[in-house]
All heavy atoms as atom14 arrays in JSON, in Angstrom:
{
  "sequence": "HRVVDLALVTMHLRQRLLLARTGWATVVDPEGRDEMERTVIRAIGPQG",
  "atom14_mask": [
    [1, 1, 1, 1, 1, 1, 1, 1, 1, 1, 0, 0, 0, 0],
    [1, 1, 1, 1, 1, 1, 1, 1, 1, 1, 1, 0, 0, 0],
    [1, 1, 1, 1, 1, 1, 1, 0, 0, 0, 0, 0, 0, 0],
    [1, 1, 1, 1, 1, 1, 1, 0, 0, 0, 0, 0, 0, 0],
    [1, 1, 1, 1, 1, 1, 1, 1, 0, 0, 0, 0, 0, 0],
    [1, 1, 1, 1, 1, 1, 1, 1, 0, 0, 0, 0, 0, 0],
    [1, 1, 1, 1, 1, 0, 0, 0, 0, 0, 0, 0, 0, 0],
    [1, 1, 1, 1, 1, 1, 1, 1, 0, 0, 0, 0, 0, 0],
    [1, 1, 1, 1, 1, 1, 1, 0, 0, 0, 0, 0, 0, 0],
    [1, 1, 1, 1, 1, 1, 1, 0, 0, 0, 0, 0, 0, 0],
    [1, 1, 1, 1, 1, 1, 1, 1, 0, 0, 0, 0, 0, 0],
    [1, 1, 1, 1, 1, 1, 1, 1, 1, 1, 0, 0, 0, 0],
    [1, 1, 1, 1, 1, 1, 1, 1, 0, 0, 0, 0, 0, 0],
    [1, 1, 1, 1, 1, 1, 1, 1, 1, 1, 1, 0, 0, 0],
    [1, 1, 1, 1, 1, 1, 1, 1, 1, 0, 0, 0, 0, 0],
    [1, 1, 1, 1, 1, 1, 1, 1, 1, 1, 1, 0, 0, 0],
    [1, 1, 1, 1, 1, 1, 1, 1, 0, 0, 0, 0, 0, 0],
    [1, 1, 1, 1, 1, 1, 1, 1, 0, 0, 0, 0, 0, 0],
    [1, 1, 1, 1, 1, 1, 1, 1, 0, 0, 0, 0, 0, 0],
    [1, 1, 1, 1, 1, 0, 0, 0, 0, 0, 0, 0, 0, 0],
    [1, 1, 1, 1, 1, 1, 1, 1, 1, 1, 1, 0, 0, 0],
    [1, 1, 1, 1, 1, 1, 1, 0, 0, 0, 0, 0, 0, 0],
    [1, 1, 1, 1, 0, 0, 0, 0, 0, 0, 0, 0, 0, 0],
    [1, 1, 1, 1, 1, 1, 1, 1, 1, 1, 1, 1, 1, 1],
    [1, 1, 1, 1, 1, 0, 0, 0, 0, 0, 0, 0, 0, 0],
    [1, 1, 1, 1, 1, 1, 1, 0, 0, 0, 0, 0, 0, 0],
    [1, 1, 1, 1, 1, 1, 1, 0, 0, 0, 0, 0, 0, 0],
    [1, 1, 1, 1, 1, 1, 1, 0, 0, 0, 0, 0, 0, 0],
    [1, 1, 1, 1, 1, 1, 1, 1, 0, 0, 0, 0, 0, 0],
    [1, 1, 1, 1, 1, 1, 1, 0, 0, 0, 0, 0, 0, 0],
    [1, 1, 1, 1, 1, 1, 1, 1, 1, 0, 0, 0, 0, 0],
    [1, 1, 1, 1, 0, 0, 0, 0, 0, 0, 0, 0, 0, 0],
    [1, 1, 1, 1, 1, 1, 1, 1, 1, 1, 1, 0, 0, 0],
    [1, 1, 1, 1, 1, 1, 1, 1, 0, 0, 0, 0, 0, 0],
    [1, 1, 1, 1, 1, 1, 1, 1, 1, 0, 0, 0, 0, 0],
    [1, 1, 1, 1, 1, 1, 1, 1, 0, 0, 0, 0, 0, 0],
    [1, 1, 1, 1, 1, 1, 1, 1, 1, 0, 0, 0, 0, 0],
    [1, 1, 1, 1, 1, 1, 1, 1, 1, 1, 1, 0, 0, 0],
    [1, 1, 1, 1, 1, 1, 1, 0, 0, 0, 0, 0, 0, 0],
    [1, 1, 1, 1, 1, 1, 1, 0, 0, 0, 0, 0, 0, 0],
    [1, 1, 1, 1, 1, 1, 1, 1, 0, 0, 0, 0, 0, 0],
    [1, 1, 1, 1, 1, 1, 1, 1, 1, 1, 1, 0, 0, 0],
    [1, 1, 1, 1, 1, 0, 0, 0, 0, 0, 0, 0, 0, 0],
    [1, 1, 1, 1, 1, 1, 1, 1, 0, 0, 0, 0, 0, 0],
    [1, 1, 1, 1, 0, 0, 0, 0, 0, 0, 0, 0, 0, 0],
    [1, 1, 1, 1, 1, 1, 1, 0, 0, 0, 0, 0, 0, 0],
    [1, 1, 1, 1, 1, 1, 1, 1, 1, 0, 0, 0, 0, 0],
    [1, 1, 1, 1, 0, 0, 0, 0, 0, 0, 0, 0, 0, 0]
  ],
  "atom14_positions": [
    [[37.19, 124.78, -17.61], [38.41, 125.37, -17.07], [38.59, 125.1, -15.6], [39.74, 124.98, -15.13], [38.4, 126.89, -17.32], [38.67, 127.27, -18.76], [37.68, 127.26, -19.72], [39.82, 127.6, -19.39], [38.2, 127.59, -20.89], [39.5, 127.83, -20.72], [0.0, 0.0, 0.0], [0.0, 0.0, 0.0], [0.0, 0.0, 0.0], [0.0, 0.0, 0.0]],
    [[37.49, 124.97, -14.86], [37.6, 124.61, -13.44], [38.15, 123.2, -13.29], [38.96, 122.92, -12.36], [36.2, 124.73, -12.77], [36.15, 124.39, -11.29], [36.72, 125.5, -10.45], [36.03, 126.75, -10.65], [34.87, 127.1, -10.07], [34.29, 126.28, -9.2], [34.33, 128.28, -10.32], [0.0, 0.0, 0.0], [0.0, 0.0, 0.0], [0.0, 0.0, 0.0]],
    [[37.76, 122.29, -14.19], [38.29, 120.92, -14.15], [39.8, 120.94, -14.38], [40.53, 120.26, -13.67], [37.59, 120.07, -15.22], [38.24, 118.67, -15.28], [36.11, 119.95, -14.94], [0.0, 0.0, 0.0], [0.0, 0.0, 0.0], [0.0, 0.0, 0.0], [0.0, 0.0, 0.0], [0.0, 0.0, 0.0], [0.0, 0.0, 0.0], [0.0, 0.0, 0.0]],
    [[40.26, 121.71, -15.34], [41.69, 121.78, -15.63], [42.44, 122.4, -14.47], [43.54, 121.91, -14.09], [41.94, 122.57, -16.93], [43.44, 122.72, -17.2], [41.26, 121.9, -18.11], [0.0, 0.0, 0.0], [0.0, 0.0, 0.0], [0.0, 0.0, 0.0], [0.0, 0.0, 0.0], [0.0, 0.0, 0.0], [0.0, 0.0, 0.0], [0.0, 0.0, 0.0]],
    [[41.91, 123.42, -13.88], [42.56, 124.06, -12.71], [42.7, 123.03, -11.57], [43.72, 122.99, -10.89], [41.76, 125.27, -12.24], [41.9, 126.45, -13.14], [42.92, 126.54, -13.87], [41.01, 127.33, -13.14], [0.0, 0.0, 0.0], [0.0, 0.0, 0.0], [0.0, 0.0, 0.0], [0.0, 0.0, 0.0], [0.0, 0.0, 0.0], [0.0, 0.0, 0.0]],
    [[41.66, 122.24, -11.37], [41.72, 121.22, -10.33], [42.81, 120.22, -10.62], [43.56, 119.82, -9.73], [40.35, 120.53, -10.21], [40.29, 119.37, -9.22], [40.52, 119.85, -7.8], [38.9, 118.69, -9.32], [0.0, 0.0, 0.0], [0.0, 0.0, 0.0], [0.0, 0.0, 0.0], [0.0, 0.0, 0.0], [0.0, 0.0, 0.0], [0.0, 0.0, 0.0]],
    [[42.91, 119.79, -11.89], [43.93, 118.82, -12.25], [45.32, 119.41, -12.08], [46.23, 118.74, -11.59], [43.72, 118.37, -13.71], [0.0, 0.0, 0.0], [0.0, 0.0, 0.0], [0.0, 0.0, 0.0], [0.0, 0.0, 0.0], [0.0, 0.0, 0.0], [0.0, 0.0, 0.0], [0.0, 0.0, 0.0], [0.0, 0.0, 0.0], [0.0, 0.0, 0.0]],
    [[45.5, 120.68, -12.46], [46.82, 121.32, -12.31], [47.23, 121.36, -10.86], [48.37, 121.03, -10.5], [46.76, 122.74, -12.89], [46.72, 122.86, -14.41], [46.37, 124.28, -14.83], [48.05, 122.44, -15.02], [0.0, 0.0, 0.0], [0.0, 0.0, 0.0], [0.0, 0.0, 0.0], [0.0, 0.0, 0.0], [0.0, 0.0, 0.0], [0.0, 0.0, 0.0]],
    [[46.33, 121.8, -9.98], [46.68, 121.92, -8.55], [46.88, 120.55, -7.94], [47.81, 120.35, -7.13], [45.58, 122.67, -7.82], [45.88, 122.72, -6.29], [45.48, 124.13, -8.33], [0.0, 0.0, 0.0], [0.0, 0.0, 0.0], [0.0, 0.0, 0.0], [0.0, 0.0, 0.0], [0.0, 0.0, 0.0], [0.0, 0.0, 0.0], [0.0, 0.0, 0.0]],
    [[46.06, 119.56, -8.34], [46.24, 118.21, -7.81], [47.63, 117.67, -8.16], [48.34, 117.12, -7.29], [45.17, 117.26, -8.41], [43.86, 117.74, -8.03], [45.35, 115.86, -7.89], [0.0, 0.0, 0.0], [0.0, 0.0, 0.0], [0.0, 0.0, 0.0], [0.0, 0.0, 0.0], [0.0, 0.0, 0.0], [0.0, 0.0, 0.0], [0.0, 0.0, 0.0]],
    [[48.03, 117.85, -9.4], [49.35, 117.35, -9.84], [50.48, 118.15, -9.18], [51.53, 117.57, -8.83], [49.48, 117.46, -11.34], [48.47, 116.6, -12.11], [48.49, 116.85, -13.87], [50.05, 116.07, -14.32], [0.0, 0.0, 0.0], [0.0, 0.0, 0.0], [0.0, 0.0, 0.0], [0.0, 0.0, 0.0], [0.0, 0.0, 0.0], [0.0, 0.0, 0.0]],
    [[50.26, 119.41, -8.93], [51.29, 120.23, -8.24], [51.46, 119.8, -6.79], [52.58, 119.6, -6.31], [50.88, 121.71, -8.3], [51.77, 122.61, -7.51], [53.02, 123.02, -8.0], [51.65, 123.16, -6.29], [53.57, 123.81, -7.09], [52.75, 123.91, -6.05], [0.0, 0.0, 0.0], [0.0, 0.0, 0.0], [0.0, 0.0, 0.0], [0.0, 0.0, 0.0]],
    [[50.35, 119.57, -6.09], [50.42, 119.18, -4.7], [51.02, 117.8, -4.52], [51.67, 117.51, -3.51], [49.0, 119.2, -4.06], [48.34, 120.59, -3.96], [46.94, 120.44, -3.39], [49.18, 121.52, -3.07], [0.0, 0.0, 0.0], [0.0, 0.0, 0.0], [0.0, 0.0, 0.0], [0.0, 0.0, 0.0], [0.0, 0.0, 0.0], [0.0, 0.0, 0.0]],
    [[50.85, 116.94, -5.51], [51.39, 115.59, -5.45], [52.73, 115.49, -6.16], [53.2, 114.38, -6.44], [50.36, 114.61, -6.01], [49.11, 114.58, -5.12], [47.97, 113.81, -5.73], [46.77, 113.93, -4.87], [45.59, 113.47, -5.16], [45.38, 112.87, -6.35], [44.56, 113.63, -4.33], [0.0, 0.0, 0.0], [0.0, 0.0, 0.0], [0.0, 0.0, 0.0]],
    [[53.31, 116.63, -6.46], [54.68, 116.72, -6.99], [54.86, 116.0, -8.32], [55.91, 115.44, -8.62], [55.69, 116.23, -5.95], [55.65, 117.05, -4.67], [56.65, 116.58, -3.65], [57.2, 115.47, -3.74], [56.93, 117.38, -2.63], [0.0, 0.0, 0.0], [0.0, 0.0, 0.0], [0.0, 0.0, 0.0], [0.0, 0.0, 0.0], [0.0, 0.0, 0.0]],
    [[53.81, 116.01, -9.12], [53.92, 115.46, -10.47], [54.0, 116.58, -11.5], [54.22, 116.33, -12.67], [52.72, 114.55, -10.78], [52.68, 113.31, -9.87], [51.76, 112.25, -10.4], [50.36, 112.55, -10.24], [49.66, 112.24, -9.14], [50.27, 111.63, -8.14], [48.39, 112.51, -9.09], [0.0, 0.0, 0.0], [0.0, 0.0, 0.0], [0.0, 0.0, 0.0]],
    [[53.81, 117.79, -11.02], [53.85, 118.99, -11.86], [54.31, 120.15, -11.01], [53.99, 120.24, -9.82], [52.44, 119.26, -12.4], [52.29, 120.26, -13.56], [52.87, 119.65, -14.86], [50.82, 120.58, -13.77], [0.0, 0.0, 0.0], [0.0, 0.0, 0.0], [0.0, 0.0, 0.0], [0.0, 0.0, 0.0], [0.0, 0.0, 0.0], [0.0, 0.0, 0.0]],
    [[55.13, 121.02, -11.59], [55.6, 122.2, -10.89], [54.92, 123.41, -11.5], [55.07, 123.69, -12.7], [57.11, 122.32, -10.98], [57.7, 123.63, -10.42], [57.43, 123.71, -8.92], [59.21, 123.71, -10.69], [0.0, 0.0, 0.0], [0.0, 0.0, 0.0], [0.0, 0.0, 0.0], [0.0, 0.0, 0.0], [0.0, 0.0, 0.0], [0.0, 0.0, 0.0]],
    [[54.18, 124.13, -10.66], [53.56, 125.4, -11.1], [54.37, 126.54, -10.5], [54.31, 126.77, -9.3], [52.08, 125.46, -10.63], [51.17, 124.35, -11.12], [49.74, 124.56, -10.58], [51.15, 124.27, -12.63], [0.0, 0.0, 0.0], [0.0, 0.0, 0.0], [0.0, 0.0, 0.0], [0.0, 0.0, 0.0], [0.0, 0.0, 0.0], [0.0, 0.0, 0.0]],
    [[55.13, 127.21, -11.33], [56.02, 128.27, -10.88], [55.23, 129.57, -10.76], [54.28, 129.8, -11.51], [57.19, 128.45, -11.83], [0.0, 0.0, 0.0], [0.0, 0.0, 0.0], [0.0, 0.0, 0.0], [0.0, 0.0, 0.0], [0.0, 0.0, 0.0], [0.0, 0.0, 0.0], [0.0, 0.0, 0.0], [0.0, 0.0, 0.0], [0.0, 0.0, 0.0]],
    [[55.66, 130.45, -9.86], [54.97, 131.71, -9.67], [55.09, 132.6, -10.91], [54.36, 133.58, -11.05], [55.49, 132.45, -8.44], [56.95, 132.84, -8.5], [57.3, 133.85, -7.4], [57.03, 133.34, -6.06], [56.16, 133.89, -5.23], [55.47, 134.96, -5.61], [55.98, 133.42, -4.03], [0.0, 0.0, 0.0], [0.0, 0.0, 0.0], [0.0, 0.0, 0.0]],
    [[55.98, 132.25, -11.82], [56.12, 133.01, -13.08], [54.99, 132.67, -14.07], [54.91, 133.3, -15.13], [57.46, 132.69, -13.76], [57.59, 131.28, -13.92], [58.59, 133.2, -12.89], [0.0, 0.0, 0.0], [0.0, 0.0, 0.0], [0.0, 0.0, 0.0], [0.0, 0.0, 0.0], [0.0, 0.0, 0.0], [0.0, 0.0, 0.0], [0.0, 0.0, 0.0]],
    [[54.14, 131.66, -13.74], [53.02, 131.31, -14.61], [53.34, 130.22, -15.57], [52.6, 130.06, -16.56], [0.0, 0.0, 0.0], [0.0, 0.0, 0.0], [0.0, 0.0, 0.0], [0.0, 0.0, 0.0], [0.0, 0.0, 0.0], [0.0, 0.0, 0.0], [0.0, 0.0, 0.0], [0.0, 0.0, 0.0], [0.0, 0.0, 0.0], [0.0, 0.0, 0.0]],
    [[54.39, 129.43, -15.31], [54.75, 128.3, -16.19], [54.47, 126.98, -15.46], [54.65, 126.88, -14.25], [56.25, 128.38, -16.57], [56.5, 129.4, -17.65], [56.4, 130.73, -17.56], [56.86, 129.09, -19.0], [56.71, 131.33, -18.76], [57.0, 130.34, -19.67], [57.12, 127.92, -19.71], [57.37, 130.42, -21.01], [57.48, 128.0, -21.05], [57.6, 129.25, -21.69]],
    [[54.13, 125.98, -16.23], [53.94, 124.63, -15.71], [55.04, 123.73, -16.27], [55.3, 123.73, -17.47], [52.56, 124.08, -16.13], [0.0, 0.0, 0.0], [0.0, 0.0, 0.0], [0.0, 0.0, 0.0], [0.0, 0.0, 0.0], [0.0, 0.0, 0.0], [0.0, 0.0, 0.0], [0.0, 0.0, 0.0], [0.0, 0.0, 0.0], [0.0, 0.0, 0.0]],
    [[55.66, 122.95, -15.39], [56.75, 122.05, -15.78], [56.4, 120.64, -15.34], [56.06, 120.41, -14.16], [58.08, 122.48, -15.16], [58.37, 123.83, -15.54], [59.2, 121.57, -15.57], [0.0, 0.0, 0.0], [0.0, 0.0, 0.0], [0.0, 0.0, 0.0], [0.0, 0.0, 0.0], [0.0, 0.0, 0.0], [0.0, 0.0, 0.0], [0.0, 0.0, 0.0]],
    [[56.51, 119.71, -16.26], [56.19, 118.32, -15.95], [57.32, 117.71, -15.14], [58.5, 117.77, -15.54], [55.94, 117.52, -17.22], [55.71, 116.03, -16.9], [54.76, 118.08, -17.99], [0.0, 0.0, 0.0], [0.0, 0.0, 0.0], [0.0, 0.0, 0.0], [0.0, 0.0, 0.0], [0.0, 0.0, 0.0], [0.0, 0.0, 0.0], [0.0, 0.0, 0.0]],
    [[57.0, 117.12, -13.99], [57.98, 116.43, -13.17], [57.87, 114.93, -13.38], [58.85, 114.23, -13.54], [57.78, 116.77, -11.67], [58.76, 115.97, -10.81], [57.95, 118.27, -11.45], [0.0, 0.0, 0.0], [0.0, 0.0, 0.0], [0.0, 0.0, 0.0], [0.0, 0.0, 0.0], [0.0, 0.0, 0.0], [0.0, 0.0, 0.0], [0.0, 0.0, 0.0]],
    [[56.63, 114.43, -13.39], [56.37, 113.0, -13.62], [55.53, 112.88, -14.88], [54.35, 113.24, -14.9], [55.64, 112.42, -12.42], [55.35, 110.93, -12.57], [55.7, 110.36, -13.63], [54.76, 110.34, -11.66], [0.0, 0.0, 0.0], [0.0, 0.0, 0.0], [0.0, 0.0, 0.0], [0.0, 0.0, 0.0], [0.0, 0.0, 0.0], [0.0, 0.0, 0.0]],
    [[56.07, 112.37, -15.98], [55.33, 112.33, -17.25], [54.27, 111.26, -17.3], [53.53, 111.14, -18.27], [56.41, 112.05, -18.29], [57.48, 111.32, -17.53], [57.47, 111.88, -16.14], [0.0, 0.0, 0.0], [0.0, 0.0, 0.0], [0.0, 0.0, 0.0], [0.0, 0.0, 0.0], [0.0, 0.0, 0.0], [0.0, 0.0, 0.0], [0.0, 0.0, 0.0]],
    [[54.13, 110.45, -16.26], [53.14, 109.4, -16.22], [51.92, 109.89, -15.42], [51.92, 109.88, -14.2], [53.7, 108.13, -15.58], [54.88, 107.56, -16.3], [54.52, 107.06, -17.7], [53.36, 106.63, -17.87], [55.39, 107.11, -18.6], [0.0, 0.0, 0.0], [0.0, 0.0, 0.0], [0.0, 0.0, 0.0], [0.0, 0.0, 0.0], [0.0, 0.0, 0.0]],
    [[50.9, 110.33, -16.11], [49.69, 110.79, -15.42], [48.96, 109.63, -14.74], [48.93, 108.52, -15.26], [0.0, 0.0, 0.0], [0.0, 0.0, 0.0], [0.0, 0.0, 0.0], [0.0, 0.0, 0.0], [0.0, 0.0, 0.0], [0.0, 0.0, 0.0], [0.0, 0.0, 0.0], [0.0, 0.0, 0.0], [0.0, 0.0, 0.0], [0.0, 0.0, 0.0]],
    [[48.34, 109.93, -13.59], [47.66, 108.86, -12.83], [46.26, 108.6, -13.33], [45.68, 107.56, -13.05], [47.58, 109.27, -11.34], [48.95, 109.37, -10.69], [49.73, 108.09, -10.75], [50.94, 108.12, -9.93], [52.12, 108.54, -10.36], [52.25, 108.95, -11.61], [53.18, 108.54, -9.59], [0.0, 0.0, 0.0], [0.0, 0.0, 0.0], [0.0, 0.0, 0.0]],
    [[45.71, 109.52, -14.11], [44.39, 109.28, -14.72], [44.36, 110.04, -16.05], [45.28, 110.73, -16.43], [43.24, 109.73, -13.77], [43.37, 111.21, -13.34], [43.71, 112.05, -14.23], [43.08, 111.51, -12.2], [0.0, 0.0, 0.0], [0.0, 0.0, 0.0], [0.0, 0.0, 0.0], [0.0, 0.0, 0.0], [0.0, 0.0, 0.0], [0.0, 0.0, 0.0]],
    [[43.25, 109.82, -16.77], [43.18, 110.41, -18.12], [43.2, 111.95, -18.08], [43.72, 112.56, -19.0], [41.91, 109.93, -18.8], [41.85, 110.27, -20.29], [43.06, 109.8, -21.08], [43.55, 108.67, -20.78], [43.48, 110.53, -21.97], [0.0, 0.0, 0.0], [0.0, 0.0, 0.0], [0.0, 0.0, 0.0], [0.0, 0.0, 0.0], [0.0, 0.0, 0.0]],
    [[42.67, 112.53, -17.01], [42.68, 113.99, -16.93], [44.11, 114.5, -16.77], [44.5, 115.51, -17.38], [41.82, 114.43, -15.74], [41.42, 115.9, -15.82], [40.3, 116.25, -17.18], [38.84, 115.34, -16.62], [0.0, 0.0, 0.0], [0.0, 0.0, 0.0], [0.0, 0.0, 0.0], [0.0, 0.0, 0.0], [0.0, 0.0, 0.0], [0.0, 0.0, 0.0]],
    [[44.91, 113.83, -15.95], [46.3, 114.24, -15.78], [47.07, 114.04, -17.07], [47.9, 114.86, -17.45], [46.93, 113.46, -14.62], [46.36, 113.82, -13.27], [47.16, 113.22, -12.12], [48.23, 112.62, -12.39], [46.75, 113.36, -10.95], [0.0, 0.0, 0.0], [0.0, 0.0, 0.0], [0.0, 0.0, 0.0], [0.0, 0.0, 0.0], [0.0, 0.0, 0.0]],
    [[46.79, 112.93, -17.78], [47.48, 112.72, -19.05], [47.09, 113.78, -20.07], [47.9, 114.2, -20.91], [47.17, 111.3, -19.58], [47.88, 110.22, -18.74], [47.71, 108.86, -19.41], [46.39, 108.32, -19.17], [46.03, 107.58, -18.12], [46.95, 107.31, -17.17], [44.82, 107.1, -17.99], [0.0, 0.0, 0.0], [0.0, 0.0, 0.0], [0.0, 0.0, 0.0]],
    [[45.85, 114.26, -19.98], [45.41, 115.33, -20.88], [46.19, 116.61, -20.61], [46.61, 117.31, -21.54], [43.9, 115.58, -20.7], [43.16, 114.41, -21.07], [43.42, 116.76, -21.52], [0.0, 0.0, 0.0], [0.0, 0.0, 0.0], [0.0, 0.0, 0.0], [0.0, 0.0, 0.0], [0.0, 0.0, 0.0], [0.0, 0.0, 0.0], [0.0, 0.0, 0.0]],
    [[46.38, 116.92, -19.36], [47.17, 118.12, -18.99], [48.6, 117.98, -19.47], [49.17, 118.95, -20.01], [47.12, 118.32, -17.46], [48.11, 119.41, -17.01], [45.72, 118.69, -16.99], [0.0, 0.0, 0.0], [0.0, 0.0, 0.0], [0.0, 0.0, 0.0], [0.0, 0.0, 0.0], [0.0, 0.0, 0.0], [0.0, 0.0, 0.0], [0.0, 0.0, 0.0]],
    [[49.19, 116.81, -19.32], [50.56, 116.58, -19.75], [50.69, 116.77, -21.26], [51.62, 117.37, -21.78], [51.07, 115.18, -19.29], [51.18, 115.16, -17.78], [52.41, 114.88, -19.95], [51.45, 113.77, -17.21], [0.0, 0.0, 0.0], [0.0, 0.0, 0.0], [0.0, 0.0, 0.0], [0.0, 0.0, 0.0], [0.0, 0.0, 0.0], [0.0, 0.0, 0.0]],
    [[49.69, 116.22, -22.0], [49.7, 116.41, -23.44], [49.52, 117.87, -23.82], [50.12, 118.36, -24.8], [48.58, 115.56, -24.09], [48.88, 114.06, -24.1], [47.92, 113.34, -25.02], [46.55, 113.4, -24.54], [45.99, 112.5, -23.72], [46.71, 111.46, -23.3], [44.73, 112.61, -23.34], [0.0, 0.0, 0.0], [0.0, 0.0, 0.0], [0.0, 0.0, 0.0]],
    [[48.72, 118.61, -23.05], [48.51, 120.02, -23.34], [49.8, 120.82, -23.09], [50.03, 121.83, -23.77], [47.37, 120.59, -22.48], [0.0, 0.0, 0.0], [0.0, 0.0, 0.0], [0.0, 0.0, 0.0], [0.0, 0.0, 0.0], [0.0, 0.0, 0.0], [0.0, 0.0, 0.0], [0.0, 0.0, 0.0], [0.0, 0.0, 0.0], [0.0, 0.0, 0.0]],
    [[50.61, 120.4, -22.14], [51.87, 121.1, -21.87], [52.83, 120.91, -23.04], [53.6, 121.82, -23.39], [52.49, 120.58, -20.56], [51.61, 121.04, -19.39], [53.9, 121.11, -20.38], [52.02, 120.47, -18.05], [0.0, 0.0, 0.0], [0.0, 0.0, 0.0], [0.0, 0.0, 0.0], [0.0, 0.0, 0.0], [0.0, 0.0, 0.0], [0.0, 0.0, 0.0]],
    [[52.78, 119.75, -23.67], [53.56, 119.55, -24.87], [54.81, 118.71, -24.65], [55.2, 118.44, -23.5], [0.0, 0.0, 0.0], [0.0, 0.0, 0.0], [0.0, 0.0, 0.0], [0.0, 0.0, 0.0], [0.0, 0.0, 0.0], [0.0, 0.0, 0.0], [0.0, 0.0, 0.0], [0.0, 0.0, 0.0], [0.0, 0.0, 0.0], [0.0, 0.0, 0.0]],
    [[55.48, 118.34, -25.73], [56.65, 117.45, -25.63], [57.85, 118.09, -24.94], [58.74, 117.37, -24.48], [56.96, 117.11, -27.1], [56.39, 118.25, -27.86], [55.15, 118.65, -27.12], [0.0, 0.0, 0.0], [0.0, 0.0, 0.0], [0.0, 0.0, 0.0], [0.0, 0.0, 0.0], [0.0, 0.0, 0.0], [0.0, 0.0, 0.0], [0.0, 0.0, 0.0]],
    [[57.87, 119.43, -24.89], [58.98, 120.09, -24.21], [58.91, 119.94, -22.7], [59.91, 120.15, -21.99], [58.98, 121.6, -24.55], [59.12, 121.91, -26.05], [60.46, 121.51, -26.59], [61.48, 121.53, -25.88], [60.5, 121.13, -27.85], [0.0, 0.0, 0.0], [0.0, 0.0, 0.0], [0.0, 0.0, 0.0], [0.0, 0.0, 0.0], [0.0, 0.0, 0.0]],
    [[57.74, 119.56, -22.19], [57.57, 119.39, -20.74], [57.43, 120.67, -19.99], [57.46, 120.66, -18.76], [0.0, 0.0, 0.0], [0.0, 0.0, 0.0], [0.0, 0.0, 0.0], [0.0, 0.0, 0.0], [0.0, 0.0, 0.0], [0.0, 0.0, 0.0], [0.0, 0.0, 0.0], [0.0, 0.0, 0.0], [0.0, 0.0, 0.0], [0.0, 0.0, 0.0]]
  ]
}
């Protein structure tokens, strides 16, 4: 879970993912830069 948290924050800081204060994650850039980021994008689902 620490690995996933790191990936989430990394993508948020680099504006590839939006982490809203409401507790939702929104995909901004669907092209992950590494396999961990692509795993997070797949976990978010096709709705983005």
